[in-house]
C-alpha atoms as a PDB file:
ATOM      1  CA  UNK A   1      35.463  81.147  37.978  1.00  0.00           C
ATOM      2  CA  UNK A   2      39.220  81.596  38.034  1.00  0.00           C
ATOM      3  CA  UNK A   3      39.292  80.860  41.752  1.00  0.00           C
ATOM      4  CA  UNK A   4      37.287  77.670  41.256  1.00  0.00           C
ATOM      5  CA  UNK A   5      39.600  76.537  38.458  1.00  0.00           C
ATOM      6  CA  UNK A   6      42.636  77.260  40.623  1.00  0.00           C
ATOM      7  CA  UNK A   7      41.205  75.206  43.471  1.00  0.00           C
ATOM      8  CA  UNK A   8      40.567  72.315  41.120  1.00  0.00           C
ATOM      9  CA  UNK A   9      44.203  72.310  40.107  1.00  0.00           C
ATOM     10  CA  UNK A  10      45.543  71.796  43.631  1.00  0.00           C
ATOM     11  CA  UNK A  11      44.419  68.135  43.988  1.00  0.00           C
ATOM     12  CA  UNK A  12      45.992  67.346  40.608  1.00  0.00           C
ATOM     13  CA  UNK A  13      49.209  69.128  41.599  1.00  0.00           C
ATOM     14  CA  UNK A  14      49.266  67.294  44.931  1.00  0.00           C
ATOM     15  CA  UNK A  15      48.757  63.945  43.212  1.00  0.00           C
ATOM     16  CA  UNK A  16      51.613  64.674  40.793  1.00  0.00           C
ATOM     17  CA  UNK A  17      53.915  65.658  43.658  1.00  0.00           C
ATOM     18  CA  UNK A  18      53.102  62.448  45.532  1.00  0.00           C
ATOM     19  CA  UNK A  19      53.706  60.384  42.394  1.00  0.00           C
ATOM     20  CA  UNK A  20      57.057  62.104  41.847  1.00  0.00           C
ATOM     21  CA  UNK A  21      57.957  61.473  45.482  1.00  0.00           C
ATOM     22  CA  UNK A  22      57.172  57.763  45.203  1.00  0.00           C
ATOM     23  CA  UNK A  23      59.423  57.551  42.132  1.00  0.00           C
ATOM     24  CA  UNK A  24      62.328  59.522  43.586  1.00  0.00           C
ATOM     25  CA  UNK A  25      62.449  58.014  47.083  1.00  0.00           C
ATOM     26  CA  UNK A  26      63.525  54.472  46.001  1.00  0.00           C
ATOM     27  CA  UNK A  27      66.333  55.940  43.907  1.00  0.00           C
ATOM     28  CA  UNK A  28      67.514  58.047  46.858  1.00  0.00           C
ATOM     29  CA  UNK A  29      67.467  55.000  49.145  1.00  0.00           C
ATOM     30  CA  UNK A  30      69.571  53.042  46.662  1.00  0.00           C
ATOM     31  CA  UNK A  31      72.026  55.955  46.341  1.00  0.00           C
ATOM     32  CA  UNK A  32      72.376  56.257  50.140  1.00  0.00           C
ATOM     33  CA  UNK A  33      72.907  52.524  50.646  1.00  0.00           C
ATOM     34  CA  UNK A  34      75.461  52.412  47.830  1.00  0.00           C
ATOM     35  CA  UNK A  35      77.831  54.599  49.884  1.00  0.00           C
ATOM     36  CA  UNK A  36      77.417  52.678  53.165  1.00  0.00           C
ATOM     37  CA  UNK A  37      79.760  50.032  54.454  1.00  0.00           C
ATOM     38  CA  UNK A  38      78.306  46.522  54.972  1.00  0.00           C
ATOM     39  CA  UNK A  39      78.740  46.860  58.735  1.00  0.00           C
ATOM     40  CA  UNK A  40      76.942  50.201  58.791  1.00  0.00           C
ATOM     41  CA  UNK A  41      74.145  48.810  56.667  1.00  0.00           C
ATOM     42  CA  UNK A  42      73.729  45.803  58.991  1.00  0.00           C
ATOM     43  CA  UNK A  43      73.854  47.996  62.089  1.00  0.00           C
ATOM     44  CA  UNK A  44      71.556  50.887  61.108  1.00  0.00           C
ATOM     45  CA  UNK A  45      69.392  49.429  58.355  1.00  0.00           C
ATOM     46  CA  UNK A  46      68.609  50.646  54.837  1.00  0.00           C
ATOM     47  CA  UNK A  47      66.748  53.834  55.845  1.00  0.00           C
ATOM     48  CA  UNK A  48      69.506  55.455  57.888  1.00  0.00           C
ATOM     49  CA  UNK A  49      71.794  58.198  56.623  1.00  0.00           C
ATOM     50  CA  UNK A  50      75.420  57.164  55.955  1.00  0.00           C
ATOM     51  CA  UNK A  51      78.117  58.295  58.387  1.00  0.00           C
ATOM     52  CA  UNK A  52      80.490  58.925  55.476  1.00  0.00           C
ATOM     53  CA  UNK A  53      81.212  57.979  51.892  1.00  0.00           C
ATOM     54  CA  UNK A  54      82.112  54.303  51.545  1.00  0.00           C
ATOM     55  CA  UNK A  55      83.045  53.854  47.880  1.00  0.00           C
ATOM     56  CA  UNK A  56      84.531  50.369  48.046  1.00  0.00           C
ATOM     57  CA  UNK A  57      81.215  48.827  47.002  1.00  0.00           C
ATOM     58  CA  UNK A  58      81.126  50.907  43.823  1.00  0.00           C
ATOM     59  CA  UNK A  59      84.801  50.214  43.154  1.00  0.00           C
ATOM     60  CA  UNK A  60      84.498  46.458  43.759  1.00  0.00           C
ATOM     61  CA  UNK A  61      81.475  46.131  41.496  1.00  0.00           C
ATOM     62  CA  UNK A  62      83.141  48.203  38.769  1.00  0.00           C
ATOM     63  CA  UNK A  63      86.215  45.968  38.774  1.00  0.00           C
ATOM     64  CA  UNK A  64      84.395  42.684  39.256  1.00  0.00           C
ATOM     65  CA  UNK A  65      82.139  42.996  36.217  1.00  0.00           C
ATOM     66  CA  UNK A  66      84.502  45.147  34.105  1.00  0.00           C
ATOM     67  CA  UNK A  67      81.835  47.856  34.151  1.00  0.00           C
ATOM     68  CA  UNK A  68      83.557  50.123  31.642  1.00  0.00           C
ATOM     69  CA  UNK A  69      83.278  47.450  28.926  1.00  0.00           C
ATOM     70  CA  UNK A  70      79.673  46.631  29.892  1.00  0.00           C
ATOM     71  CA  UNK A  71      78.829  50.332  29.788  1.00  0.00           C
ATOM     72  CA  UNK A  72      80.362  50.656  26.331  1.00  0.00           C
ATOM     73  CA  UNK A  73      78.386  47.661  25.084  1.00  0.00           C
ATOM     74  CA  UNK A  74      75.105  49.022  26.460  1.00  0.00           C
ATOM     75  CA  UNK A  75      75.673  52.502  25.035  1.00  0.00           C
ATOM     76  CA  UNK A  76      76.669  51.083  21.649  1.00  0.00           C
ATOM     77  CA  UNK A  77      73.706  48.712  21.440  1.00  0.00           C
ATOM     78  CA  UNK A  78      71.109  51.153  22.805  1.00  0.00           C
ATOM     79  CA  UNK A  79      72.347  54.068  20.720  1.00  0.00           C
ATOM     80  CA  UNK A  80      72.528  52.028  17.520  1.00  0.00           C
ATOM     81  CA  UNK A  81      69.054  50.588  18.079  1.00  0.00           C
ATOM     82  CA  UNK A  82      67.575  54.019  18.819  1.00  0.00           C
ATOM     83  CA  UNK A  83      68.979  55.606  15.656  1.00  0.00           C
ATOM     84  CA  UNK A  84      68.299  52.636  13.361  1.00  0.00           C
ATOM     85  CA  UNK A  85      64.777  52.052  14.716  1.00  0.00           C
ATOM     86  CA  UNK A  86      63.825  55.718  14.273  1.00  0.00           C
ATOM     87  CA  UNK A  87      65.153  55.696  10.692  1.00  0.00           C
ATOM     88  CA  UNK A  88      63.312  52.463   9.868  1.00  0.00           C
ATOM     89  CA  UNK A  89      60.129  53.768  11.500  1.00  0.00           C
ATOM     90  CA  UNK A  90      60.270  56.945   9.420  1.00  0.00           C
ATOM     91  CA  UNK A  91      60.637  54.996   6.165  1.00  0.00           C
ATOM     92  CA  UNK A  92      57.821  52.594   7.037  1.00  0.00           C
ATOM     93  CA  UNK A  93      55.484  55.301   8.300  1.00  0.00           C
ATOM     94  CA  UNK A  94      56.153  57.480   5.254  1.00  0.00           C
ATOM     95  CA  UNK A  95      55.041  54.669   2.989  1.00  0.00           C
ATOM     96  CA  UNK A  96      52.015  53.803   5.124  1.00  0.00           C
ATOM     97  CA  UNK A  97      50.898  57.203   6.379  1.00  0.00           C
ATOM     98  CA  UNK A  98      51.607  59.418   3.375  1.00  0.00           C
ATOM     99  CA  UNK A  99      52.145  56.958   0.537  1.00  0.00           C
ATOM    100  CA  UNK A 100      48.883  55.222   1.494  1.00  0.00           C
ATOM    101  CA  UNK A 101      49.938  51.759   0.359  1.00  0.00           C
ATOM    102  CA  UNK A 102      47.334  49.113  -0.353  1.00  0.00           C
ATOM    103  CA  UNK A 103      46.155  47.142   2.657  1.00  0.00           C
ATOM    104  CA  UNK A 104      47.235  49.920   5.021  1.00  0.00           C
ATOM    105  CA  UNK A 105      44.827  48.785   7.739  1.00  0.00           C
ATOM    106  CA  UNK A 106      46.131  45.223   7.642  1.00  0.00           C
ATOM    107  CA  UNK A 107      49.735  46.386   7.725  1.00  0.00           C
ATOM    108  CA  UNK A 108      49.064  48.521  10.805  1.00  0.00           C
ATOM    109  CA  UNK A 109      47.241  45.586  12.412  1.00  0.00           C
ATOM    110  CA  UNK A 110      50.346  43.471  11.822  1.00  0.00           C
ATOM    111  CA  UNK A 111      52.532  46.037  13.608  1.00  0.00           C
ATOM    112  CA  UNK A 112      50.068  46.159  16.513  1.00  0.00           C
ATOM    113  CA  UNK A 113      50.247  42.383  16.853  1.00  0.00           C
ATOM    114  CA  UNK A 114      54.044  42.567  16.707  1.00  0.00           C
ATOM    115  CA  UNK A 115      53.986  44.961  19.671  1.00  0.00           C
ATOM    116  CA  UNK A 116      51.784  42.573  21.648  1.00  0.00           C
ATOM    117  CA  UNK A 117      54.016  39.553  21.031  1.00  0.00           C
ATOM    118  CA  UNK A 118      55.916  38.605  24.232  1.00  0.00           C
ATOM    119  CA  UNK A 119      59.681  38.394  23.959  1.00  0.00           C
ATOM    120  CA  UNK A 120      59.648  34.904  25.463  1.00  0.00           C
ATOM    121  CA  UNK A 121      58.087  33.712  22.203  1.00  0.00           C
ATOM    122  CA  UNK A 122      60.996  35.182  20.244  1.00  0.00           C
ATOM    123  CA  UNK A 123      63.819  33.569  22.193  1.00  0.00           C
ATOM    124  CA  UNK A 124      64.141  30.294  20.299  1.00  0.00           C
ATOM    125  CA  UNK A 125      63.466  31.638  16.757  1.00  0.00           C
ATOM    126  CA  UNK A 126      65.939  34.472  17.250  1.00  0.00           C
ATOM    127  CA  UNK A 127      68.500  32.105  18.794  1.00  0.00           C
ATOM    128  CA  UNK A 128      68.140  29.629  15.909  1.00  0.00           C
ATOM    129  CA  UNK A 129      68.335  32.277  13.183  1.00  0.00           C
ATOM    130  CA  UNK A 130      71.370  33.955  14.733  1.00  0.00           C
ATOM    131  CA  UNK A 131      73.118  30.593  14.947  1.00  0.00           C
ATOM    132  CA  UNK A 132      72.392  29.869  11.294  1.00  0.00           C
ATOM    133  CA  UNK A 133      73.549  33.346  10.230  1.00  0.00           C
ATOM    134  CA  UNK A 134      76.743  33.169  12.308  1.00  0.00           C
ATOM    135  CA  UNK A 135      75.741  36.179  14.405  1.00  0.00           C
ATOM    136  CA  UNK A 136      75.228  34.442  17.741  1.00  0.00           C
ATOM    137  CA  UNK A 137      77.039  36.092  20.664  1.00  0.00           C
ATOM    138  CA  UNK A 138      77.609  39.304  18.733  1.00  0.00           C
ATOM    139  CA  UNK A 139      76.337  42.782  19.514  1.00  0.00           C
ATOM    140  CA  UNK A 140      75.113  43.077  15.920  1.00  0.00           C
ATOM    141  CA  UNK A 141      72.568  40.309  16.476  1.00  0.00           C
ATOM    142  CA  UNK A 142      71.018  42.138  19.437  1.00  0.00           C
ATOM    143  CA  UNK A 143      71.030  45.435  17.526  1.00  0.00           C
ATOM    144  CA  UNK A 144      69.171  43.854  14.593  1.00  0.00           C
ATOM    145  CA  UNK A 145      66.573  42.175  16.803  1.00  0.00           C
ATOM    146  CA  UNK A 146      65.780  45.223  18.913  1.00  0.00           C
ATOM    147  CA  UNK A 147      65.791  47.524  15.892  1.00  0.00           C
ATOM    148  CA  UNK A 148      62.980  45.461  14.400  1.00  0.00           C
ATOM    149  CA  UNK A 149      61.110  45.257  17.710  1.00  0.00           C
ATOM    150  CA  UNK A 150      61.309  48.977  18.452  1.00  0.00           C
ATOM    151  CA  UNK A 151      60.576  49.923  14.833  1.00  0.00           C
ATOM    152  CA  UNK A 152      57.275  48.026  15.030  1.00  0.00           C
ATOM    153  CA  UNK A 153      56.052  50.437  17.702  1.00  0.00           C
ATOM    154  CA  UNK A 154      57.635  53.433  15.984  1.00  0.00           C
ATOM    155  CA  UNK A 155      55.982  52.579  12.672  1.00  0.00           C
ATOM    156  CA  UNK A 156      52.559  52.291  14.283  1.00  0.00           C
ATOM    157  CA  UNK A 157      52.921  55.626  16.098  1.00  0.00           C
ATOM    158  CA  UNK A 158      54.427  57.577  13.205  1.00  0.00           C
ATOM    159  CA  UNK A 159      51.876  56.197  10.747  1.00  0.00           C
ATOM    160  CA  UNK A 160      49.106  57.736  12.827  1.00  0.00           C
ATOM    161  CA  UNK A 161      51.005  61.037  12.943  1.00  0.00           C
ATOM    162  CA  UNK A 162      51.905  61.178   9.252  1.00  0.00           C
ATOM    163  CA  UNK A 163      48.410  60.171   8.131  1.00  0.00           C
ATOM    164  CA  UNK A 164      47.317  63.616   9.380  1.00  0.00           C
ATOM    165  CA  UNK A 165      50.192  65.413   7.690  1.00  0.00           C
ATOM    166  CA  UNK A 166      48.888  68.376   5.627  1.00  0.00           C
ATOM    167  CA  UNK A 167      48.550  67.163   2.066  1.00  0.00           C
ATOM    168  CA  UNK A 168      48.732  70.737   0.765  1.00  0.00           C
ATOM    169  CA  UNK A 169      52.374  71.036   1.820  1.00  0.00           C
ATOM    170  CA  UNK A 170      53.317  67.814   0.052  1.00  0.00           C
ATOM    171  CA  UNK A 171      51.433  68.771  -3.102  1.00  0.00           C
ATOM    172  CA  UNK A 172      53.120  72.193  -3.133  1.00  0.00           C
ATOM    173  CA  UNK A 173      56.545  70.540  -2.815  1.00  0.00           C
ATOM    174  CA  UNK A 174      55.790  68.171  -5.681  1.00  0.00           C
ATOM    175  CA  UNK A 175      54.651  71.054  -7.868  1.00  0.00           C
ATOM    176  CA  UNK A 176      58.012  72.708  -7.166  1.00  0.00           C
ATOM    177  CA  UNK A 177      59.741  69.594  -8.499  1.00  0.00           C
ATOM    178  CA  UNK A 178      60.540  67.687  -5.291  1.00  0.00           C
ATOM    179  CA  UNK A 179      60.604  63.907  -5.599  1.00  0.00           C
ATOM    180  CA  UNK A 180      59.558  61.454  -2.863  1.00  0.00           C
ATOM    181  CA  UNK A 181      62.955  61.411  -1.138  1.00  0.00           C
ATOM    182  CA  UNK A 182      63.170  65.194  -1.070  1.00  0.00           C
ATOM    183  CA  UNK A 183      59.658  65.428   0.360  1.00  0.00           C
ATOM    184  CA  UNK A 184      60.646  62.951   3.064  1.00  0.00           C
ATOM    185  CA  UNK A 185      63.982  64.432   4.151  1.00  0.00           C
ATOM    186  CA  UNK A 186      63.308  68.134   3.558  1.00  0.00           C
ATOM    187  CA  UNK A 187      59.683  68.410   4.669  1.00  0.00           C
ATOM    188  CA  UNK A 188      58.335  65.411   6.571  1.00  0.00           C
ATOM    189  CA  UNK A 189      61.377  64.718   8.782  1.00  0.00           C
ATOM    190  CA  UNK A 190      61.967  68.376   9.864  1.00  0.00           C
ATOM    191  CA  UNK A 191      58.287  68.853  10.706  1.00  0.00           C
ATOM    192  CA  UNK A 192      58.175  65.533  12.611  1.00  0.00           C
ATOM    193  CA  UNK A 193      61.448  66.159  14.459  1.00  0.00           C
ATOM    194  CA  UNK A 194      59.838  66.557  17.940  1.00  0.00           C
ATOM    195  CA  UNK A 195      58.081  63.198  17.606  1.00  0.00           C
ATOM    196  CA  UNK A 196      61.266  61.572  16.332  1.00  0.00           C
ATOM    197  CA  UNK A 197      63.146  62.964  19.335  1.00  0.00           C
ATOM    198  CA  UNK A 198      60.624  61.369  21.698  1.00  0.00           C
ATOM    199  CA  UNK A 199      60.982  58.024  19.956  1.00  0.00           C
ATOM    200  CA  UNK A 200      64.777  58.274  20.089  1.00  0.00           C
ATOM    201  CA  UNK A 201      64.745  58.770  23.869  1.00  0.00           C
ATOM    202  CA  UNK A 202      62.213  56.001  24.447  1.00  0.00           C
ATOM    203  CA  UNK A 203      64.026  53.509  22.218  1.00  0.00           C
ATOM    204  CA  UNK A 204      67.332  54.161  23.973  1.00  0.00           C
ATOM    205  CA  UNK A 205      65.890  53.722  27.475  1.00  0.00           C
ATOM    206  CA  UNK A 206      63.789  50.688  26.537  1.00  0.00           C
ATOM    207  CA  UNK A 207      66.749  48.937  24.926  1.00  0.00           C
ATOM    208  CA  UNK A 208      69.003  49.810  27.870  1.00  0.00           C
ATOM    209  CA  UNK A 209      66.599  48.068  30.269  1.00  0.00           C
ATOM    210  CA  UNK A 210      66.230  44.891  28.197  1.00  0.00           C
ATOM    211  CA  UNK A 211      67.427  41.734  29.918  1.00  0.00           C
ATOM    212  CA  UNK A 212      66.004  38.486  28.513  1.00  0.00           C
ATOM    213  CA  UNK A 213      67.153  38.578  24.882  1.00  0.00           C
ATOM    214  CA  UNK A 214      70.632  40.000  25.682  1.00  0.00           C
ATOM    215  CA  UNK A 215      70.988  37.281  28.332  1.00  0.00           C
ATOM    216  CA  UNK A 216      70.280  34.587  25.731  1.00  0.00           C
ATOM    217  CA  UNK A 217      72.128  36.171  22.807  1.00  0.00           C
ATOM    218  CA  UNK A 218      75.266  37.477  24.554  1.00  0.00           C
ATOM    219  CA  UNK A 219      76.962  34.696  26.475  1.00  0.00           C
ATOM    220  CA  UNK A 220      80.565  35.914  26.409  1.00  0.00           C
ATOM    221  CA  UNK A 221      81.700  38.328  29.088  1.00  0.00           C
ATOM    222  CA  UNK A 222      83.111  40.812  26.567  1.00  0.00           C
ATOM    223  CA  UNK A 223      79.757  41.325  24.821  1.00  0.00           C
ATOM    224  CA  UNK A 224      77.392  41.492  27.788  1.00  0.00           C
ATOM    225  CA  UNK A 225      75.410  44.599  28.672  1.00  0.00           C
ATOM    226  CA  UNK A 226      75.039  46.298  32.037  1.00  0.00           C
ATOM    227  CA  UNK A 227      71.655  44.726  32.772  1.00  0.00           C
ATOM    228  CA  UNK A 228      72.958  41.229  31.992  1.00  0.00           C
ATOM    229  CA  UNK A 229      76.032  41.754  34.161  1.00  0.00           C
ATOM    230  CA  UNK A 230      73.825  42.836  37.063  1.00  0.00           C
ATOM    231  CA  UNK A 231      71.583  39.800  36.746  1.00  0.00           C
ATOM    232  CA  UNK A 232      74.397  37.286  36.330  1.00  0.00           C
ATOM    233  CA  UNK A 233      76.410  38.582  39.273  1.00  0.00           C
ATOM    234  CA  UNK A 234      73.338  38.751  41.484  1.00  0.00           C
ATOM    235  CA  UNK A 235      72.404  35.202  40.534  1.00  0.00           C
ATOM    236  CA  UNK A 236      75.838  33.965  41.571  1.00  0.00           C
ATOM    237  CA  UNK A 237      75.272  35.455  45.057  1.00  0.00           C
ATOM    238  CA  UNK A 238      78.619  37.232  44.982  1.00  0.00           C
ATOM    239  CA  UNK A 239      77.382  40.592  46.300  1.00  0.00           C
ATOM    240  CA  UNK A 240      76.489  41.912  49.716  1.00  0.00           C
ATOM    241  CA  UNK A 241      73.778  44.514  50.332  1.00  0.00           C
ATOM    242  CA  UNK A 242      76.107  47.469  49.762  1.00  0.00           C
ATOM    243  CA  UNK A 243      77.459  46.153  46.482  1.00  0.00           C
ATOM    244  CA  UNK A 244      73.924  45.278  45.355  1.00  0.00           C
ATOM    245  CA  UNK A 245      72.854  48.895  45.839  1.00  0.00           C
ATOM    246  CA  UNK A 246      76.036  50.108  44.150  1.00  0.00           C
ATOM    247  CA  UNK A 247      75.290  47.855  41.189  1.00  0.00           C
ATOM    248  CA  UNK A 248      71.713  49.128  40.986  1.00  0.00           C
ATOM    249  CA  UNK A 249      72.944  52.734  41.107  1.00  0.00           C
ATOM    250  CA  UNK A 250      75.515  52.218  38.350  1.00  0.00           C
ATOM    251  CA  UNK A 251      72.973  50.303  36.299  1.00  0.00           C
ATOM    252  CA  UNK A 252      70.321  53.016  36.270  1.00  0.00           C
ATOM    253  CA  UNK A 253      72.519  56.120  36.389  1.00  0.00           C
ATOM    254  CA  UNK A 254      73.589  56.230  32.692  1.00  0.00           C
ATOM    255  CA  UNK A 255      69.998  55.868  31.473  1.00  0.00           C
ATOM    256  CA  UNK A 256      68.905  58.548  33.944  1.00  0.00           C
ATOM    257  CA  UNK A 257      71.627  60.920  32.723  1.00  0.00           C
ATOM    258  CA  UNK A 258      70.607  60.291  29.114  1.00  0.00           C
ATOM    259  CA  UNK A 259      66.985  60.978  30.005  1.00  0.00           C
ATOM    260  CA  UNK A 260      67.847  64.239  31.789  1.00  0.00           C
ATOM    261  CA  UNK A 261      70.068  65.419  28.924  1.00  0.00           C
ATOM    262  CA  UNK A 262      67.254  64.898  26.423  1.00  0.00           C
ATOM    263  CA  UNK A 263      64.466  65.964  28.774  1.00  0.00           C
ATOM    264  CA  UNK A 264      63.850  69.171  26.837  1.00  0.00           C
ATOM    265  CA  UNK A 265      63.543  67.205  23.605  1.00  0.00           C
ATOM    266  CA  UNK A 266      61.082  64.829  25.239  1.00  0.00           C
ATOM    267  CA  UNK A 267      59.013  67.653  26.741  1.00  0.00           C
ATOM    268  CA  UNK A 268      58.942  69.584  23.470  1.00  0.00           C
ATOM    269  CA  UNK A 269      57.856  66.518  21.517  1.00  0.00           C
ATOM    270  CA  UNK A 270      55.032  65.693  23.920  1.00  0.00           C
ATOM    271  CA  UNK A 271      53.881  69.327  23.972  1.00  0.00           C
ATOM    272  CA  UNK A 272      53.855  69.540  20.170  1.00  0.00           C
ATOM    273  CA  UNK A 273      51.894  66.292  19.974  1.00  0.00           C
ATOM    274  CA  UNK A 274      49.354  67.615  22.474  1.00  0.00           C
ATOM    275  CA  UNK A 275      48.913  70.849  20.514  1.00  0.00           C
ATOM    276  CA  UNK A 276      48.409  68.948  17.287  1.00  0.00           C
END
C-alpha cells in the first residue's frame, strides 16, 4: 500500500514542478533581458544569455521615473493598506463571527457582493467623492479606498474562521472578568495570528499590483506608484526592449522580496488553516 501511495504522489509532484517552472521561467527571461544591451538584444533575441552585465537600462529607468520616490509611495500605500485592512477586518469579523450580530447572513452577502464588484464601476464615484473631500491626488485617498476594498474580503474570510472559534475559551475568559476588548486582543487575535499574517501578505501584494484606481487618483508625478509609472512610461513609448525588461524587473522585485521574507508566515498560516 505504501508503494502504491508513493507512486500516486509522483504525478502530483511532477505537475507541481512543471507549474513552478512555468512561473519561474518568464521571470528569469525578464531578468536576463534586463542586463542586455539593446544591440545585443536585437542581435541574439530574448532567449539568449547575456555576454555581460549591461546596467544602463536599469539606471536609465531608475532616473527617468524617479524610481526611489515611486518605490517609497508604493511601499507606503501597500503597507498602510495591509495593516489598516487587517485591523478593520478583525473588528468586523469579531462582531459578525463571534458577536453574532443580527442579520449576519445579509451582512456577509453584502461583503461577498462587494468583492464581486469590478473596480471600473468604482472609478467615477471614488473620483467624485475624493474631489468633494479635498483628497484627490493624495496617497491618503488611495489608502482609504483600498483599505475598504481589501477589508471586504478580509471580513468575509475572517468571519468564517471566527464563527468556528471555540466558545468555551471565550466564556472562560468572560468568567475571569475579561471584557469584549480584552477577549479580542488577548485571545482572538493571538489565536488567529497565522490567518492574519496570510491576509497581511496578500493585501500588500494585491495593493502593490493595483493599476487602474492609482492611475485615476494619483495624477501628479510625486504621488504615483511603481505600477502607474511603468504604465505611463510604456504608454509614452519612451523605452526600448532592454529598458522595458528592466522596468518589469524593478516593478516586480520589491513585491517578490516581500513575499519571500514573509513566506514562512504565509506557509504557517495556510498549514494551520488546513489543520483546522
